[in-house]
Amino acid sequence: MALVTSTEMFKKAYSGGYAIGAFNVNNMEIVQGITEACREEKAPVILQVSKGARAYANHTYLVKLVEAAVIECPEIPIVLHLDHGDSFETCKSCIDGGFTSVMIDASSKPFAENIEITKKVVEYAHDHGVVVEAELGALAGVEDEVNVSAENSHYTRPEEVEEFVSKTGCDSLAIAIGTSHGAYKFKPGTKPQLRFDILEEVSKKLPNFPIVLHGSSSVPQNYVDMVNAHGGKMPGAIGVPEDQLRHAAELSVCKINIDSDLRLAMTGTIREFFDAHPDKFDPREYLKPARANIKELVRHKLVDVLGCAGKA
């Protein structure tokens, strides 16, 4: 099976009450851990590449890693997606370079300018058989190239979504309902709560239209504890409760982005390994257990959070 777009994935997810996992990838072990879990659980998957990942690993290397995953896991549909494309030029480069889906994030711009930029990307992408995700609202937090202060964040305004989608022609829409980028989403002692009232209002205005949640890592505390127990300093790292993500997937959310969780699993595992084996230096020895923990974490997300196991 070749790389696919998310069109059919989202149709099935919407009607089936589940979401597709969109996992950010930076290296071989992360790609392997994700796709091996998806193959075994028979789950469709979106592999995301950010601008930062392209700068780190090189566009060509990342595309070839994903193409290798397609060869090794022919039973499952795989989308290669640009996460948070910040310009028409970045999106065009990925469209021309083999991606099947791109996100144009002009959410920091005024409404009319967001429409103008998004429409330009949509027109080019659709001419090349590629789908487009856009964003309305602004999530707080820091993740790769995205850095939005709490003061500059704001929820999506449901009254704007119909006009935005109709004028841009985008294929899916990322909205802001209380998630945030990075591992520090909520303050200790607070009760995390997503704005399902906004999601439900958006769904009414955009029936059968796929909604996307960014900044949806749950920041598993076992890996936070593992990092801290082995020399790390991550006090107060709290993510989105998994039961709230599951509820979002039962509604109109067809794509849930997960990135910090995988990084925590890899970092925690490697820190633990070196504490136990300070004499080791072969990357294969510490990356192997890191890959295994990523795989098990992804398996948990597919089965217990996203609900997309068995949907390939």
Protein backbone atom coordinates (compact mmCIF):
# COMPACT_ATOMS: atom_id res chain seq x y z
CA MET A 1 0.00 0.00 0.00
CA ALA A 2 1.32 3.44 -0.96
CA LEU A 3 1.05 6.52 1.22
CA VAL A 4 -2.56 7.73 1.39
CA THR A 5 -4.39 10.92 2.25
CA SER A 6 -6.52 11.19 5.37
CA THR A 7 -9.81 11.58 3.48
CA GLU A 8 -11.13 8.02 3.86
CA MET A 9 -9.57 7.67 7.31
CA PHE A 10 -11.53 10.65 8.56
CA LYS A 11 -14.83 9.55 7.00
CA LYS A 12 -14.58 6.20 8.78
CA ALA A 13 -13.41 7.78 12.03
CA TYR A 14 -16.24 10.30 12.08
CA SER A 15 -18.93 7.69 11.52
CA GLY A 16 -17.24 5.17 13.82
CA GLY A 17 -16.70 7.43 16.83
CA TYR A 18 -12.93 7.10 17.01
CA ALA A 19 -9.88 9.20 16.15
CA ILE A 20 -6.70 8.62 14.19
CA GLY A 21 -3.44 9.01 16.09
CA ALA A 22 -1.12 11.62 14.61
CA PHE A 23 2.37 11.02 15.97
CA ASN A 24 5.34 13.31 15.43
CA VAL A 25 8.45 11.54 14.15
CA ASN A 26 12.09 12.60 14.27
CA ASN A 27 14.15 9.44 13.84
CA MET A 28 14.08 5.77 12.85
CA GLU A 29 13.28 4.32 16.26
CA ILE A 30 10.22 6.52 16.73
CA VAL A 31 8.91 5.62 13.27
CA GLN A 32 9.47 1.92 13.97
CA GLY A 33 7.85 1.96 17.40
CA ILE A 34 4.74 3.74 16.11
CA THR A 35 4.21 1.70 12.97
CA GLU A 36 4.96 -1.68 14.57
CA ALA A 37 2.27 -0.99 17.18
CA CYS A 38 -0.17 0.11 14.46
CA ARG A 39 0.55 -2.98 12.37
CA GLU A 40 -0.03 -5.33 15.30
CA GLU A 41 -3.19 -3.51 16.36
CA LYS A 42 -4.38 -3.08 12.76
CA ALA A 43 -4.75 0.67 13.14
CA PRO A 44 -4.45 3.46 10.55
CA VAL A 45 -1.90 6.12 11.40
CA ILE A 46 -0.71 9.63 10.56
CA LEU A 47 3.03 10.21 10.79
CA GLN A 48 3.71 13.90 11.30
CA VAL A 49 6.82 15.89 10.49
CA SER A 50 7.26 19.38 11.90
CA LYS A 51 9.39 22.18 10.55
CA GLY A 52 11.79 21.48 13.42
CA ALA A 53 12.00 17.80 12.52
CA ARG A 54 12.80 18.67 8.91
CA ALA A 55 15.58 20.97 10.10
CA TYR A 56 16.93 18.28 12.44
CA ALA A 57 16.72 15.12 10.34
CA ASN A 58 16.43 16.47 6.76
CA HIS A 59 13.31 16.22 4.61
CA THR A 60 14.67 13.38 2.46
CA TYR A 61 15.69 11.17 5.38
CA LEU A 62 12.29 11.53 7.01
CA VAL A 63 10.37 10.80 3.82
CA LYS A 64 12.48 7.70 3.18
CA LEU A 65 11.97 6.47 6.76
CA VAL A 66 8.21 6.76 6.29
CA GLU A 67 8.40 5.07 2.89
CA ALA A 68 10.31 2.22 4.57
CA ALA A 69 7.49 1.93 7.12
CA VAL A 70 4.98 1.65 4.26
CA ILE A 71 7.00 -1.23 2.81
CA GLU A 72 7.34 -2.98 6.19
CA CYS A 73 3.70 -2.43 7.19
CA PRO A 74 1.70 -2.82 3.97
CA GLU A 75 -1.45 -3.84 5.86
CA ILE A 76 -2.08 -0.42 7.37
CA PRO A 77 -2.85 2.95 5.74
CA ILE A 78 -0.21 5.58 6.51
CA VAL A 79 -0.43 9.33 5.94
CA LEU A 80 2.67 11.54 5.80
CA HIS A 81 1.65 14.93 7.18
CA LEU A 82 3.34 18.29 7.66
CA ASP A 83 2.62 19.56 11.17
CA HIS A 84 2.30 23.33 11.67
CA GLY A 85 3.48 24.51 8.28
CA ASP A 86 4.08 28.21 8.78
CA SER A 87 4.04 29.42 5.17
CA PHE A 88 2.91 28.63 1.66
CA GLU A 89 6.53 27.92 0.73
CA THR A 90 6.97 25.30 3.47
CA CYS A 91 3.72 23.59 2.50
CA LYS A 92 4.63 23.66 -1.19
CA SER A 93 8.01 22.09 -0.45
CA CYS A 94 6.35 19.20 1.38
CA ILE A 95 3.65 18.76 -1.26
CA ASP A 96 6.30 18.64 -3.98
CA GLY A 97 8.43 16.37 -1.78
CA GLY A 98 6.02 13.47 -1.32
CA PHE A 99 3.77 14.41 1.61
CA THR A 100 0.12 13.40 1.27
CA SER A 101 -1.21 15.93 3.79
CA VAL A 102 -0.10 19.35 5.03
CA MET A 103 -1.15 21.73 7.74
CA ILE A 104 -1.01 25.44 7.14
CA ASP A 105 -1.06 27.20 10.48
CA ALA A 106 -1.89 30.86 9.97
CA SER A 107 -3.87 31.00 13.20
CA SER A 108 -1.72 33.84 14.53
CA LYS A 109 -2.86 36.05 11.65
CA PRO A 110 -6.06 38.12 11.51
CA PHE A 111 -9.09 36.13 10.37
CA ALA A 112 -9.13 37.46 6.79
CA GLU A 113 -5.39 36.89 6.36
CA ASN A 114 -5.69 33.36 7.74
CA ILE A 115 -8.35 32.68 5.09
CA GLU A 116 -6.19 34.15 2.31
CA ILE A 117 -3.07 32.14 3.20
CA THR A 118 -4.99 28.92 3.81
CA LYS A 119 -6.90 29.20 0.53
CA LYS A 120 -3.65 29.61 -1.41
CA VAL A 121 -2.24 26.42 0.15
CA VAL A 122 -5.49 24.52 -0.43
CA GLU A 123 -5.58 25.41 -4.11
CA TYR A 124 -2.01 24.23 -4.68
CA ALA A 125 -2.42 21.11 -2.54
CA HIS A 126 -5.67 20.00 -4.17
CA ASP A 127 -4.15 20.44 -7.61
CA HIS A 128 -1.53 17.89 -6.50
CA GLY A 129 -3.85 15.42 -4.76
CA VAL A 130 -2.86 16.49 -1.24
CA VAL A 131 -5.24 17.36 1.61
CA VAL A 132 -4.98 20.38 3.92
CA GLU A 133 -5.53 20.92 7.62
CA ALA A 134 -6.00 24.51 8.83
CA GLU A 135 -6.35 26.09 12.26
CA LEU A 136 -8.69 28.55 13.96
CA GLY A 137 -7.92 29.60 17.51
CA ALA A 138 -4.50 29.64 19.15
CA LEU A 139 -3.13 27.05 21.57
CA ALA A 140 -0.73 28.17 24.28
CA GLY A 141 2.58 26.42 24.91
CA VAL A 142 5.89 25.57 23.28
CA GLU A 143 6.49 22.72 20.84
CA ASP A 144 9.26 22.79 18.21
CA GLU A 145 8.69 25.98 16.20
CA VAL A 146 5.38 26.80 17.90
CA ASN A 147 5.61 29.24 20.80
CA VAL A 148 2.40 30.93 21.95
CA SER A 149 2.08 32.72 25.29
CA ALA A 150 -0.98 32.26 27.46
CA GLU A 151 -1.84 35.91 26.81
CA ASN A 152 -1.91 35.35 23.04
CA SER A 153 -3.86 32.09 23.13
CA HIS A 154 -7.62 32.04 22.59
CA TYR A 155 -10.39 29.53 22.07
CA THR A 156 -11.85 28.91 18.65
CA ARG A 157 -14.92 31.05 17.97
CA PRO A 158 -17.69 28.75 16.68
CA GLU A 159 -19.35 31.61 14.83
CA GLU A 160 -16.30 31.85 12.52
CA VAL A 161 -15.89 28.23 11.45
CA GLU A 162 -18.50 28.01 8.69
CA GLU A 163 -17.18 31.05 6.86
CA PHE A 164 -13.59 29.92 7.27
CA VAL A 165 -14.13 26.41 5.92
CA SER A 166 -16.34 27.51 3.04
CA LYS A 167 -13.93 30.25 1.91
CA THR A 168 -10.73 28.21 2.26
CA GLY A 169 -11.87 24.76 1.14
CA CYS A 170 -9.71 23.11 3.83
CA ASP A 171 -10.22 19.40 4.46
CA SER A 172 -10.00 19.41 8.27
CA LEU A 173 -9.87 22.04 10.99
CA ALA A 174 -7.75 22.22 14.13
CA ILE A 175 -9.54 24.03 16.93
CA ALA A 176 -8.57 25.34 20.37
CA ILE A 177 -10.69 23.98 23.23
CA GLY A 178 -8.19 23.93 26.08
CA THR A 179 -5.34 21.71 24.96
CA SER A 180 -1.83 23.20 24.72
CA HIS A 181 1.58 22.43 23.31
CA GLY A 182 4.37 20.84 25.32
CA ALA A 183 4.46 18.82 28.55
CA TYR A 184 3.28 21.58 30.91
CA LYS A 185 -0.35 21.96 29.88
CA PHE A 186 -1.99 22.50 33.27
CA LYS A 187 -0.81 23.76 36.65
CA PRO A 188 -0.48 21.26 39.52
CA GLY A 189 -3.58 21.24 41.68
CA THR A 190 -5.92 22.34 38.90
CA LYS A 191 -8.52 20.12 37.28
CA PRO A 192 -7.87 19.89 33.54
CA GLN A 193 -11.04 20.34 31.55
CA LEU A 194 -11.53 20.66 27.80
CA ARG A 195 -14.25 22.96 26.45
CA PHE A 196 -16.61 20.38 25.03
CA ASP A 197 -19.27 23.05 24.68
CA ILE A 198 -17.12 24.73 22.03
CA LEU A 199 -16.47 21.40 20.29
CA GLU A 200 -20.18 20.60 20.22
CA GLU A 201 -21.07 24.02 18.84
CA VAL A 202 -18.40 23.72 16.12
CA SER A 203 -19.74 20.26 15.25
CA LYS A 204 -23.25 21.62 14.83
CA LYS A 205 -22.01 24.28 12.44
CA LEU A 206 -19.78 21.83 10.53
CA PRO A 207 -21.70 18.53 10.40
CA ASN A 208 -19.66 15.54 9.24
CA PHE A 209 -16.53 17.68 9.04
CA PRO A 210 -13.32 16.32 10.62
CA ILE A 211 -12.01 18.25 13.62
CA VAL A 212 -8.42 18.04 14.88
CA LEU A 213 -6.94 18.46 18.35
CA HIS A 214 -3.35 19.63 18.75
CA GLY A 215 -1.44 19.67 22.03
CA SER A 216 -3.15 16.48 23.17
CA SER A 217 -0.36 14.56 24.84
CA SER A 218 -1.38 13.10 28.19
CA VAL A 219 2.13 13.37 29.67
CA PRO A 220 2.10 9.91 31.32
CA GLN A 221 3.26 10.29 34.90
CA ASN A 222 5.16 6.99 34.93
CA TYR A 223 7.55 8.44 32.36
CA VAL A 224 7.71 11.82 34.09
CA ASP A 225 8.63 9.94 37.27
CA MET A 226 11.19 7.89 35.34
CA VAL A 227 12.83 11.04 33.98
CA ASN A 228 12.92 12.67 37.41
CA ALA A 229 14.20 9.53 39.13
CA HIS A 230 17.19 9.38 36.82
CA GLY A 231 18.54 12.91 36.84
CA GLY A 232 15.79 14.86 35.09
CA LYS A 233 13.95 17.92 36.36
CA MET A 234 10.36 18.05 35.13
CA PRO A 235 8.28 19.24 38.08
CA GLY A 236 4.61 19.82 37.42
CA ALA A 237 4.42 18.28 33.94
CA ILE A 238 0.71 17.56 33.46
CA GLY A 239 -1.14 16.66 30.27
CA VAL A 240 -4.68 16.16 28.97
CA PRO A 241 -6.64 13.43 30.77
CA GLU A 242 -7.07 10.43 28.52
CA ASP A 243 -10.76 10.03 29.29
CA GLN A 244 -11.39 13.51 27.89
CA LEU A 245 -9.50 12.64 24.71
CA ARG A 246 -11.55 9.46 24.36
CA HIS A 247 -14.75 11.51 24.69
CA ALA A 248 -13.52 13.97 22.05
CA ALA A 249 -12.86 11.03 19.72
CA GLU A 250 -16.42 9.84 20.21
CA LEU A 251 -17.64 13.21 18.94
CA SER A 252 -16.33 14.96 15.81
CA VAL A 253 -12.58 14.83 16.54
CA CYS A 254 -11.03 12.59 13.88
CA LYS A 255 -7.33 13.34 14.49
CA ILE A 256 -5.53 13.68 17.80
CA ASN A 257 -1.91 14.85 17.84
CA ILE A 258 0.46 13.11 20.25
CA ASP A 259 4.13 14.08 20.54
CA SER A 260 5.40 14.86 24.05
CA ASP A 261 4.36 11.41 25.31
CA LEU A 262 6.70 9.66 22.88
CA ARG A 263 9.59 11.95 23.72
CA LEU A 264 9.06 11.33 27.42
CA ALA A 265 9.04 7.56 26.86
CA MET A 266 12.27 7.72 24.90
CA THR A 267 14.05 10.11 27.27
CA GLY A 268 12.94 8.33 30.43
CA THR A 269 14.00 4.95 29.11
CA ILE A 270 17.41 6.19 28.03
CA ARG A 271 18.03 7.93 31.37
CA GLU A 272 17.08 4.77 33.24
CA PHE A 273 19.30 2.65 31.00
CA PHE A 274 22.38 4.76 31.62
CA ASP A 275 21.83 4.79 35.37
CA ALA A 276 21.74 1.00 35.30
CA HIS A 277 24.51 0.61 32.72
CA PRO A 278 26.96 3.52 33.04
CA ASP A 279 29.60 1.58 31.11
CA LYS A 280 27.49 1.20 27.95
CA PHE A 281 27.97 3.40 24.90
CA ASP A 282 26.46 1.53 21.93
CA PRO A 283 23.36 3.49 20.78
CA ARG A 284 21.69 0.26 19.73
CA GLU A 285 21.66 -0.94 23.32
CA TYR A 286 19.75 2.03 24.73
CA LEU A 287 17.63 2.84 21.70
CA LYS A 288 16.23 -0.70 21.55
CA PRO A 289 14.38 -0.47 24.92
CA ALA A 290 13.38 3.11 24.10
CA ARG A 291 11.78 1.91 20.86
CA ALA A 292 10.02 -0.90 22.73
CA ASN A 293 8.50 1.52 25.26
CA ILE A 294 7.35 3.84 22.48
CA LYS A 295 5.66 0.87 20.84
CA GLU A 296 3.80 -0.10 24.01
CA LEU A 297 2.77 3.50 24.68
CA VAL A 298 1.39 3.84 21.14
CA ARG A 299 -0.43 0.52 21.52
CA HIS A 300 -2.14 1.86 24.65
CA LYS A 301 -3.16 5.05 22.83
CA LEU A 302 -4.60 3.12 19.89
CA VAL A 303 -6.66 0.76 22.03
CA ASP A 304 -7.65 2.77 25.10
CA VAL A 305 -7.64 6.42 24.02
CA LEU A 306 -8.16 6.77 20.29
CA GLY A 307 -10.32 3.69 19.78
CA CYS A 308 -8.84 3.06 16.32
CA ALA A 309 -7.40 -0.42 16.89
CA GLY A 310 -8.79 -2.85 14.32
CA LYS A 311 -9.87 -0.02 11.99
CA ALA A 312 -7.16 -0.33 9.32
